[in-house]
């Protein structure tokens, strides 16, 4: 997802300062200016929630921090907690854009190594990831955030459906493909939540490599279709068989 790969390894635990089917696609077809404005509001709202809590943060506070009218805030969002949904979606969909470029001849471990290189992340990407990690760790105290997170997680699951279907040359309507996407999405969500809580609440530190290893292991364990190893090209049938292991040359 992921959120943790560009954030927990960069997160300064002593720093308390302020610092992605139809759901995300609907956000993507918004005019760029409005989409950027929603994400900017999400960043300000996340910062306020982290510093002050949800109860002490009003729509007026979010509007003032964002430099917008309160009326505009309510035109963009249905509730104050939903203001952070664009942040969850943005951090995840940046990762999914890289995941979509997964070559069939490459394993999940090798591809995640490429996806999660911090040198490829912009300062804004990292800052967004840090905010998302802090929000995930806050969910135990602020249960209203969990509903927003789960809405975003469902959008991420729909995106995984098309990634898996494309890798295996199968239909996005295929039940087995959708089941695999659901189990992998749940596993990835658990990794994000677990690492976020460990980093914020328990002051644990993780390297990017450690996070990648946890994520790859979770995806392998959750996969109900053989997508994690190199895939046989679809020449005469479905590309859902791993490539044969290469033994020593006699």
C-alpha atoms as a PDB file:
ATOM      1  CA  UNK A   1       0.000   0.000   0.000  1.00  0.00           C
ATOM      2  CA  UNK A   2       2.048   1.412   0.369  1.00  0.00           C
ATOM      3  CA  UNK A   3       1.646   3.881   2.987  1.00  0.00           C
ATOM      4  CA  UNK A   4       4.250   2.377   5.274  1.00  0.00           C
ATOM      5  CA  UNK A   5       6.944   1.886   2.640  1.00  0.00           C
ATOM      6  CA  UNK A   6       7.469   5.624   2.098  1.00  0.00           C
ATOM      7  CA  UNK A   7       6.839   6.762   5.625  1.00  0.00           C
ATOM      8  CA  UNK A   8       7.631   4.549   8.599  1.00  0.00           C
ATOM      9  CA  UNK A   9      11.263   4.194   7.591  1.00  0.00           C
ATOM     10  CA  UNK A  10      11.507   7.998   7.324  1.00  0.00           C
ATOM     11  CA  UNK A  11       9.344   8.869  10.321  1.00  0.00           C
ATOM     12  CA  UNK A  12      11.025  10.758  13.126  1.00  0.00           C
ATOM     13  CA  UNK A  13       9.290   9.381  16.190  1.00  0.00           C
ATOM     14  CA  UNK A  14      10.268  12.377  18.322  1.00  0.00           C
ATOM     15  CA  UNK A  15       8.806  14.851  15.847  1.00  0.00           C
ATOM     16  CA  UNK A  16       5.284  15.949  16.798  1.00  0.00           C
ATOM     17  CA  UNK A  17       5.170  18.846  14.379  1.00  0.00           C
ATOM     18  CA  UNK A  18       2.699  19.238  11.534  1.00  0.00           C
ATOM     19  CA  UNK A  19       3.862  17.957   8.442  1.00  0.00           C
ATOM     20  CA  UNK A  20      -5.437   5.406  -3.428  1.00  0.00           C
ATOM     21  CA  UNK A  21     -13.559   0.703  -8.079  1.00  0.00           C
ATOM     22  CA  UNK A  22     -15.812   3.540  -8.555  1.00  0.00           C
ATOM     23  CA  UNK A  23     -14.775   5.567  -5.551  1.00  0.00           C
ATOM     24  CA  UNK A  24     -11.215   6.466  -6.569  1.00  0.00           C
ATOM     25  CA  UNK A  25     -12.129   6.628 -10.233  1.00  0.00           C
ATOM     26  CA  UNK A  26     -14.772   9.231  -9.401  1.00  0.00           C
ATOM     27  CA  UNK A  27     -12.070  11.272  -7.664  1.00  0.00           C
ATOM     28  CA  UNK A  28      -9.736  10.835 -10.647  1.00  0.00           C
ATOM     29  CA  UNK A  29     -12.212  12.312 -13.133  1.00  0.00           C
ATOM     30  CA  UNK A  30     -12.569  15.508 -11.129  1.00  0.00           C
ATOM     31  CA  UNK A  31     -10.907  18.569 -12.663  1.00  0.00           C
ATOM     32  CA  UNK A  32      -7.225  18.641 -11.692  1.00  0.00           C
ATOM     33  CA  UNK A  33      -7.607  21.908  -9.794  1.00  0.00           C
ATOM     34  CA  UNK A  34     -10.432  20.545  -7.661  1.00  0.00           C
ATOM     35  CA  UNK A  35      -8.658  17.210  -7.118  1.00  0.00           C
ATOM     36  CA  UNK A  36      -5.538  19.036  -5.941  1.00  0.00           C
ATOM     37  CA  UNK A  37      -7.654  21.259  -3.699  1.00  0.00           C
ATOM     38  CA  UNK A  38      -9.276  18.199  -2.081  1.00  0.00           C
ATOM     39  CA  UNK A  39      -5.861  16.664  -1.406  1.00  0.00           C
ATOM     40  CA  UNK A  40      -4.610  19.928   0.056  1.00  0.00           C
ATOM     41  CA  UNK A  41      -7.634  20.020   2.380  1.00  0.00           C
ATOM     42  CA  UNK A  42      -6.917  16.402   3.346  1.00  0.00           C
ATOM     43  CA  UNK A  43      -3.370  17.298   4.387  1.00  0.00           C
ATOM     44  CA  UNK A  44      -4.553  20.169   6.565  1.00  0.00           C
ATOM     45  CA  UNK A  45      -7.362  18.097   8.073  1.00  0.00           C
ATOM     46  CA  UNK A  46      -4.962  15.233   8.849  1.00  0.00           C
ATOM     47  CA  UNK A  47      -2.587  17.610  10.597  1.00  0.00           C
ATOM     48  CA  UNK A  48      -5.414  19.060  12.692  1.00  0.00           C
ATOM     49  CA  UNK A  49      -6.769  15.619  13.624  1.00  0.00           C
ATOM     50  CA  UNK A  50      -3.306  14.430  14.653  1.00  0.00           C
ATOM     51  CA  UNK A  51      -2.548  17.509  16.753  1.00  0.00           C
ATOM     52  CA  UNK A  52      -5.979  18.235  18.233  1.00  0.00           C
ATOM     53  CA  UNK A  53      -8.176  15.155  17.740  1.00  0.00           C
ATOM     54  CA  UNK A  54     -11.433  14.922  15.804  1.00  0.00           C
ATOM     55  CA  UNK A  55     -13.685  16.273  18.543  1.00  0.00           C
ATOM     56  CA  UNK A  56     -11.667  19.477  18.855  1.00  0.00           C
ATOM     57  CA  UNK A  57     -11.517  20.005  15.087  1.00  0.00           C
ATOM     58  CA  UNK A  58     -14.444  21.560  13.245  1.00  0.00           C
ATOM     59  CA  UNK A  59     -15.191  22.209   9.601  1.00  0.00           C
ATOM     60  CA  UNK A  60     -14.422  25.852  10.275  1.00  0.00           C
ATOM     61  CA  UNK A  61     -10.961  24.922  11.576  1.00  0.00           C
ATOM     62  CA  UNK A  62     -10.261  22.831   8.470  1.00  0.00           C
ATOM     63  CA  UNK A  63     -11.502  25.630   6.210  1.00  0.00           C
ATOM     64  CA  UNK A  64      -9.318  28.212   7.927  1.00  0.00           C
ATOM     65  CA  UNK A  65      -6.219  26.010   7.732  1.00  0.00           C
ATOM     66  CA  UNK A  66      -6.907  25.314   4.042  1.00  0.00           C
ATOM     67  CA  UNK A  67      -7.606  28.933   3.133  1.00  0.00           C
ATOM     68  CA  UNK A  68     -11.113  28.068   1.909  1.00  0.00           C
ATOM     69  CA  UNK A  69     -14.623  28.902   2.990  1.00  0.00           C
ATOM     70  CA  UNK A  70     -16.455  26.419   5.178  1.00  0.00           C
ATOM     71  CA  UNK A  71     -19.111  26.210   2.478  1.00  0.00           C
ATOM     72  CA  UNK A  72     -16.457  24.987   0.039  1.00  0.00           C
ATOM     73  CA  UNK A  73     -15.303  22.337   2.499  1.00  0.00           C
ATOM     74  CA  UNK A  74     -18.829  20.923   2.728  1.00  0.00           C
ATOM     75  CA  UNK A  75     -19.156  21.050  -1.047  1.00  0.00           C
ATOM     76  CA  UNK A  76     -16.069  18.819  -1.295  1.00  0.00           C
ATOM     77  CA  UNK A  77     -16.800  16.488   1.632  1.00  0.00           C
ATOM     78  CA  UNK A  78     -19.800  15.037   3.431  1.00  0.00           C
ATOM     79  CA  UNK A  79     -18.237  15.007   6.902  1.00  0.00           C
ATOM     80  CA  UNK A  80     -15.122  16.294   8.596  1.00  0.00           C
ATOM     81  CA  UNK A  81     -13.568  12.840   8.956  1.00  0.00           C
ATOM     82  CA  UNK A  82     -14.053  12.167   5.232  1.00  0.00           C
ATOM     83  CA  UNK A  83     -11.747  15.113   4.559  1.00  0.00           C
ATOM     84  CA  UNK A  84      -8.735  12.767   4.911  1.00  0.00           C
ATOM     85  CA  UNK A  85      -9.950  10.205   2.339  1.00  0.00           C
ATOM     86  CA  UNK A  86      -8.026  11.825  -0.567  1.00  0.00           C
ATOM     87  CA  UNK A  87      -4.822  11.464   1.455  1.00  0.00           C
ATOM     88  CA  UNK A  88      -5.365   7.732   2.002  1.00  0.00           C
ATOM     89  CA  UNK A  89      -6.176   7.273  -1.679  1.00  0.00           C
ATOM     90  CA  UNK A  90      -3.245   9.339  -2.930  1.00  0.00           C
ATOM     91  CA  UNK A  91      -0.627   7.529  -0.853  1.00  0.00           C
ATOM     92  CA  UNK A  92      -1.907   4.126  -1.908  1.00  0.00           C
ATOM     93  CA  UNK A  93      -2.591   4.810  -5.572  1.00  0.00           C
ATOM     94  CA  UNK A  94       0.945   6.132  -6.050  1.00  0.00           C
ATOM     95  CA  UNK A  95       2.112   2.689  -5.002  1.00  0.00           C
ATOM     96  CA  UNK A  96      -0.459   0.916  -7.170  1.00  0.00           C
ATOM     97  CA  UNK A  97       0.723   2.879 -10.213  1.00  0.00           C
ATOM     98  CA  UNK A  98       4.128   1.247  -9.717  1.00  0.00           C
ATOM     99  CA  UNK A  99       2.580  -2.143  -8.981  1.00  0.00           C
ATOM    100  CA  UNK A 100       0.797  -2.001 -12.341  1.00  0.00           C
ATOM    101  CA  UNK A 101       4.206  -2.076 -14.045  1.00  0.00           C
ATOM    102  CA  UNK A 102       4.960  -5.508 -12.535  1.00  0.00           C
ATOM    103  CA  UNK A 103       6.705  -7.542 -15.292  1.00  0.00           C
ATOM    104  CA  UNK A 104       5.437 -11.093 -15.612  1.00  0.00           C
ATOM    105  CA  UNK A 105       8.938 -12.538 -15.401  1.00  0.00           C
ATOM    106  CA  UNK A 106       9.632 -10.855 -12.023  1.00  0.00           C
ATOM    107  CA  UNK A 107       8.682 -12.144  -8.555  1.00  0.00           C
ATOM    108  CA  UNK A 108       6.740 -10.078  -6.042  1.00  0.00           C
ATOM    109  CA  UNK A 109       9.835  -9.682  -3.864  1.00  0.00           C
ATOM    110  CA  UNK A 110      11.982  -8.285  -6.677  1.00  0.00           C
ATOM    111  CA  UNK A 111       9.242  -5.984  -7.913  1.00  0.00           C
ATOM    112  CA  UNK A 112       8.519  -4.584  -4.442  1.00  0.00           C
ATOM    113  CA  UNK A 113      12.225  -3.805  -4.097  1.00  0.00           C
ATOM    114  CA  UNK A 114      11.841  -1.599  -7.167  1.00  0.00           C
ATOM    115  CA  UNK A 115       8.490  -0.106  -6.139  1.00  0.00           C
ATOM    116  CA  UNK A 116       9.593   0.950  -2.688  1.00  0.00           C
ATOM    117  CA  UNK A 117      12.897   2.694  -3.317  1.00  0.00           C
ATOM    118  CA  UNK A 118      12.827   5.861  -1.240  1.00  0.00           C
ATOM    119  CA  UNK A 119      14.980   7.725  -3.732  1.00  0.00           C
ATOM    120  CA  UNK A 120      12.044   7.510  -6.154  1.00  0.00           C
ATOM    121  CA  UNK A 121       9.691   9.192  -3.657  1.00  0.00           C
ATOM    122  CA  UNK A 122       9.337  12.968  -3.667  1.00  0.00           C
ATOM    123  CA  UNK A 123       9.461  14.956  -0.403  1.00  0.00           C
ATOM    124  CA  UNK A 124       5.695  15.450  -0.728  1.00  0.00           C
ATOM    125  CA  UNK A 125       5.142  11.708  -1.190  1.00  0.00           C
ATOM    126  CA  UNK A 126       7.079  11.032   2.007  1.00  0.00           C
ATOM    127  CA  UNK A 127       5.285  13.784   3.924  1.00  0.00           C
ATOM    128  CA  UNK A 128       1.919  12.384   2.818  1.00  0.00           C
ATOM    129  CA  UNK A 129       3.007   8.915   3.918  1.00  0.00           C
ATOM    130  CA  UNK A 130       3.997  10.192   7.347  1.00  0.00           C
ATOM    131  CA  UNK A 131       0.596  11.838   7.784  1.00  0.00           C
ATOM    132  CA  UNK A 132      -1.169   8.633   6.724  1.00  0.00           C
ATOM    133  CA  UNK A 133       0.860   6.535   9.187  1.00  0.00           C
ATOM    134  CA  UNK A 134      -0.023   8.919  12.002  1.00  0.00           C
ATOM    135  CA  UNK A 135      -3.719   8.769  11.065  1.00  0.00           C
ATOM    136  CA  UNK A 136      -3.713   4.967  11.007  1.00  0.00           C
ATOM    137  CA  UNK A 137      -2.148   4.871  14.452  1.00  0.00           C
ATOM    138  CA  UNK A 138      -4.838   7.300  15.639  1.00  0.00           C
ATOM    139  CA  UNK A 139      -7.756   5.063  14.616  1.00  0.00           C
ATOM    140  CA  UNK A 140      -7.890   3.222  17.955  1.00  0.00           C
ATOM    141  CA  UNK A 141      -8.693   6.529  19.676  1.00  0.00           C
ATOM    142  CA  UNK A 142     -10.682   7.990  16.784  1.00  0.00           C
ATOM    143  CA  UNK A 143     -12.935   5.185  15.434  1.00  0.00           C
ATOM    144  CA  UNK A 144     -14.647   7.540  12.974  1.00  0.00           C
ATOM    145  CA  UNK A 145     -11.423   7.489  10.952  1.00  0.00           C
ATOM    146  CA  UNK A 146     -11.691   3.725  10.455  1.00  0.00           C
ATOM    147  CA  UNK A 147     -14.805   4.095   8.333  1.00  0.00           C
ATOM    148  CA  UNK A 148     -12.979   6.509   6.018  1.00  0.00           C
ATOM    149  CA  UNK A 149      -9.957   4.208   5.877  1.00  0.00           C
ATOM    150  CA  UNK A 150     -12.154   1.222   4.954  1.00  0.00           C
ATOM    151  CA  UNK A 151     -13.877   3.188   2.186  1.00  0.00           C
ATOM    152  CA  UNK A 152     -10.453   4.002   0.759  1.00  0.00           C
ATOM    153  CA  UNK A 153      -9.344   0.383   1.268  1.00  0.00           C
ATOM    154  CA  UNK A 154     -12.286  -0.848  -0.811  1.00  0.00           C
ATOM    155  CA  UNK A 155     -11.249   1.432  -3.658  1.00  0.00           C
ATOM    156  CA  UNK A 156      -7.735  -0.005  -3.389  1.00  0.00           C
ATOM    157  CA  UNK A 157      -9.153  -3.539  -3.552  1.00  0.00           C
ATOM    158  CA  UNK A 158     -10.960  -2.715  -6.814  1.00  0.00           C
ATOM    159  CA  UNK A 159      -7.703  -1.459  -8.270  1.00  0.00           C
ATOM    160  CA  UNK A 160      -6.002  -4.728  -7.301  1.00  0.00           C
ATOM    161  CA  UNK A 161      -8.668  -6.652  -9.225  1.00  0.00           C
ATOM    162  CA  UNK A 162      -7.506  -5.137 -12.507  1.00  0.00           C
ATOM    163  CA  UNK A 163      -3.817  -5.605 -11.608  1.00  0.00           C
ATOM    164  CA  UNK A 164      -4.316  -9.323 -10.896  1.00  0.00           C
ATOM    165  CA  UNK A 165      -6.567  -9.849 -13.912  1.00  0.00           C
ATOM    166  CA  UNK A 166      -4.000  -8.225 -16.181  1.00  0.00           C
ATOM    167  CA  UNK A 167      -1.144 -10.308 -14.747  1.00  0.00           C
ATOM    168  CA  UNK A 168      -3.048 -13.553 -15.336  1.00  0.00           C
ATOM    169  CA  UNK A 169      -4.892 -12.571 -18.542  1.00  0.00           C
ATOM    170  CA  UNK A 170      -8.232 -13.134 -16.850  1.00  0.00           C
ATOM    171  CA  UNK A 171     -11.432 -11.139 -16.604  1.00  0.00           C
ATOM    172  CA  UNK A 172     -11.975  -8.577 -13.877  1.00  0.00           C
ATOM    173  CA  UNK A 173     -15.367 -10.272 -13.414  1.00  0.00           C
ATOM    174  CA  UNK A 174     -13.719 -13.605 -12.594  1.00  0.00           C
ATOM    175  CA  UNK A 175     -14.709 -14.556  -9.031  1.00  0.00           C
ATOM    176  CA  UNK A 176     -11.309 -16.094  -8.298  1.00  0.00           C
ATOM    177  CA  UNK A 177      -9.580 -12.889  -9.386  1.00  0.00           C
ATOM    178  CA  UNK A 178     -11.831 -10.760  -7.181  1.00  0.00           C
ATOM    179  CA  UNK A 179     -11.350 -13.129  -4.246  1.00  0.00           C
ATOM    180  CA  UNK A 180      -7.583 -12.949  -4.632  1.00  0.00           C
ATOM    181  CA  UNK A 181      -7.742  -9.140  -4.743  1.00  0.00           C
ATOM    182  CA  UNK A 182      -9.868  -9.080  -1.584  1.00  0.00           C
ATOM    183  CA  UNK A 183      -7.512 -11.296   0.411  1.00  0.00           C
ATOM    184  CA  UNK A 184      -4.392  -9.444  -0.743  1.00  0.00           C
ATOM    185  CA  UNK A 185      -5.982  -6.052  -0.047  1.00  0.00           C
ATOM    186  CA  UNK A 186      -6.874  -7.184   3.478  1.00  0.00           C
ATOM    187  CA  UNK A 187      -3.323  -8.415   4.070  1.00  0.00           C
ATOM    188  CA  UNK A 188      -1.806  -5.171   2.791  1.00  0.00           C
ATOM    189  CA  UNK A 189      -4.187  -3.154   4.952  1.00  0.00           C
ATOM    190  CA  UNK A 190      -3.095  -5.177   7.981  1.00  0.00           C
ATOM    191  CA  UNK A 191       0.564  -4.496   7.200  1.00  0.00           C
ATOM    192  CA  UNK A 192      -0.106  -0.755   6.959  1.00  0.00           C
ATOM    193  CA  UNK A 193      -2.016  -0.694  10.240  1.00  0.00           C
ATOM    194  CA  UNK A 194       0.435  -2.927  12.127  1.00  0.00           C
ATOM    195  CA  UNK A 195       3.536  -1.006  11.077  1.00  0.00           C
ATOM    196  CA  UNK A 196       1.870   2.345  11.716  1.00  0.00           C
ATOM    197  CA  UNK A 197       0.865   1.382  15.255  1.00  0.00           C
ATOM    198  CA  UNK A 198       4.280  -0.132  15.934  1.00  0.00           C
ATOM    199  CA  UNK A 199       6.057   3.002  14.709  1.00  0.00           C
ATOM    200  CA  UNK A 200       3.870   5.551  16.507  1.00  0.00           C
ATOM    201  CA  UNK A 201       2.669   3.809  19.650  1.00  0.00           C
ATOM    202  CA  UNK A 202       5.629   1.517  20.356  1.00  0.00           C
ATOM    203  CA  UNK A 203       8.433   3.652  18.878  1.00  0.00           C
ATOM    204  CA  UNK A 204       9.686   0.815  16.698  1.00  0.00           C
ATOM    205  CA  UNK A 205      11.795   1.699  13.689  1.00  0.00           C
ATOM    206  CA  UNK A 206      11.785  -0.158  10.382  1.00  0.00           C
ATOM    207  CA  UNK A 207      14.071  -0.066   7.381  1.00  0.00           C
ATOM    208  CA  UNK A 208      12.493   0.033   3.955  1.00  0.00           C
ATOM    209  CA  UNK A 209      13.851  -3.462   3.313  1.00  0.00           C
ATOM    210  CA  UNK A 210      12.159  -4.813   6.439  1.00  0.00           C
ATOM    211  CA  UNK A 211       8.837  -3.305   5.393  1.00  0.00           C
ATOM    212  CA  UNK A 212       9.190  -4.756   1.892  1.00  0.00           C
ATOM    213  CA  UNK A 213       9.904  -8.203   3.354  1.00  0.00           C
ATOM    214  CA  UNK A 214       6.824  -8.052   5.607  1.00  0.00           C
ATOM    215  CA  UNK A 215       4.674  -6.838   2.710  1.00  0.00           C
ATOM    216  CA  UNK A 216       5.899  -9.492   0.271  1.00  0.00           C
ATOM    217  CA  UNK A 217       5.387 -12.243   2.848  1.00  0.00           C
ATOM    218  CA  UNK A 218       1.844 -11.048   3.566  1.00  0.00           C
ATOM    219  CA  UNK A 219       0.973 -10.903  -0.149  1.00  0.00           C
ATOM    220  CA  UNK A 220       2.303 -14.440  -0.673  1.00  0.00           C
ATOM    221  CA  UNK A 221       0.359 -15.798   2.279  1.00  0.00           C
ATOM    222  CA  UNK A 222      -2.850 -14.066   1.191  1.00  0.00           C
ATOM    223  CA  UNK A 223      -2.677 -14.883  -2.533  1.00  0.00           C
ATOM    224  CA  UNK A 224      -5.315 -17.382  -3.628  1.00  0.00           C
ATOM    225  CA  UNK A 225      -3.959 -17.387  -7.201  1.00  0.00           C
ATOM    226  CA  UNK A 226      -0.350 -17.995  -8.333  1.00  0.00           C
ATOM    227  CA  UNK A 227       0.638 -14.404  -9.023  1.00  0.00           C
ATOM    228  CA  UNK A 228       3.731 -13.973  -6.823  1.00  0.00           C
ATOM    229  CA  UNK A 229       6.249 -15.918  -8.909  1.00  0.00           C
ATOM    230  CA  UNK A 230       7.197 -15.326 -12.551  1.00  0.00           C
ATOM    231  CA  UNK A 231       4.280 -16.086 -14.867  1.00  0.00           C
ATOM    232  CA  UNK A 232       4.296 -18.144 -18.064  1.00  0.00           C
ATOM    233  CA  UNK A 233       3.442 -15.907 -21.051  1.00  0.00           C
ATOM    234  CA  UNK A 234      -0.081 -16.438 -22.350  1.00  0.00           C
ATOM    235  CA  UNK A 235       0.666 -18.052 -25.725  1.00  0.00           C
ATOM    236  CA  UNK A 236      -1.905 -20.881 -25.922  1.00  0.00           C
ATOM    237  CA  UNK A 237      -3.934 -20.405 -22.748  1.00  0.00           C
ATOM    238  CA  UNK A 238      -4.300 -18.499 -19.521  1.00  0.00           C
ATOM    239  CA  UNK A 239      -1.108 -17.108 -17.986  1.00  0.00           C
ATOM    240  CA  UNK A 240      -1.790 -18.485 -14.551  1.00  0.00           C
ATOM    241  CA  UNK A 241       1.024 -21.013 -14.228  1.00  0.00           C
ATOM    242  CA  UNK A 242       4.375 -20.199 -12.607  1.00  0.00           C
ATOM    243  CA  UNK A 243       7.406 -20.546 -14.814  1.00  0.00           C
ATOM    244  CA  UNK A 244       9.201 -23.858 -14.236  1.00  0.00           C
ATOM    245  CA  UNK A 245      12.148 -23.715 -11.878  1.00  0.00           C
ATOM    246  CA  UNK A 246      15.471 -23.556 -13.649  1.00  0.00           C
ATOM    247  CA  UNK A 247      17.623 -26.471 -12.533  1.00  0.00           C
ATOM    248  CA  UNK A 248      21.365 -26.844 -13.002  1.00  0.00           C
ATOM    249  CA  UNK A 249      22.518 -27.415 -16.559  1.00  0.00           C
ATOM    250  CA  UNK A 250      23.675 -31.035 -16.977  1.00  0.00           C
END
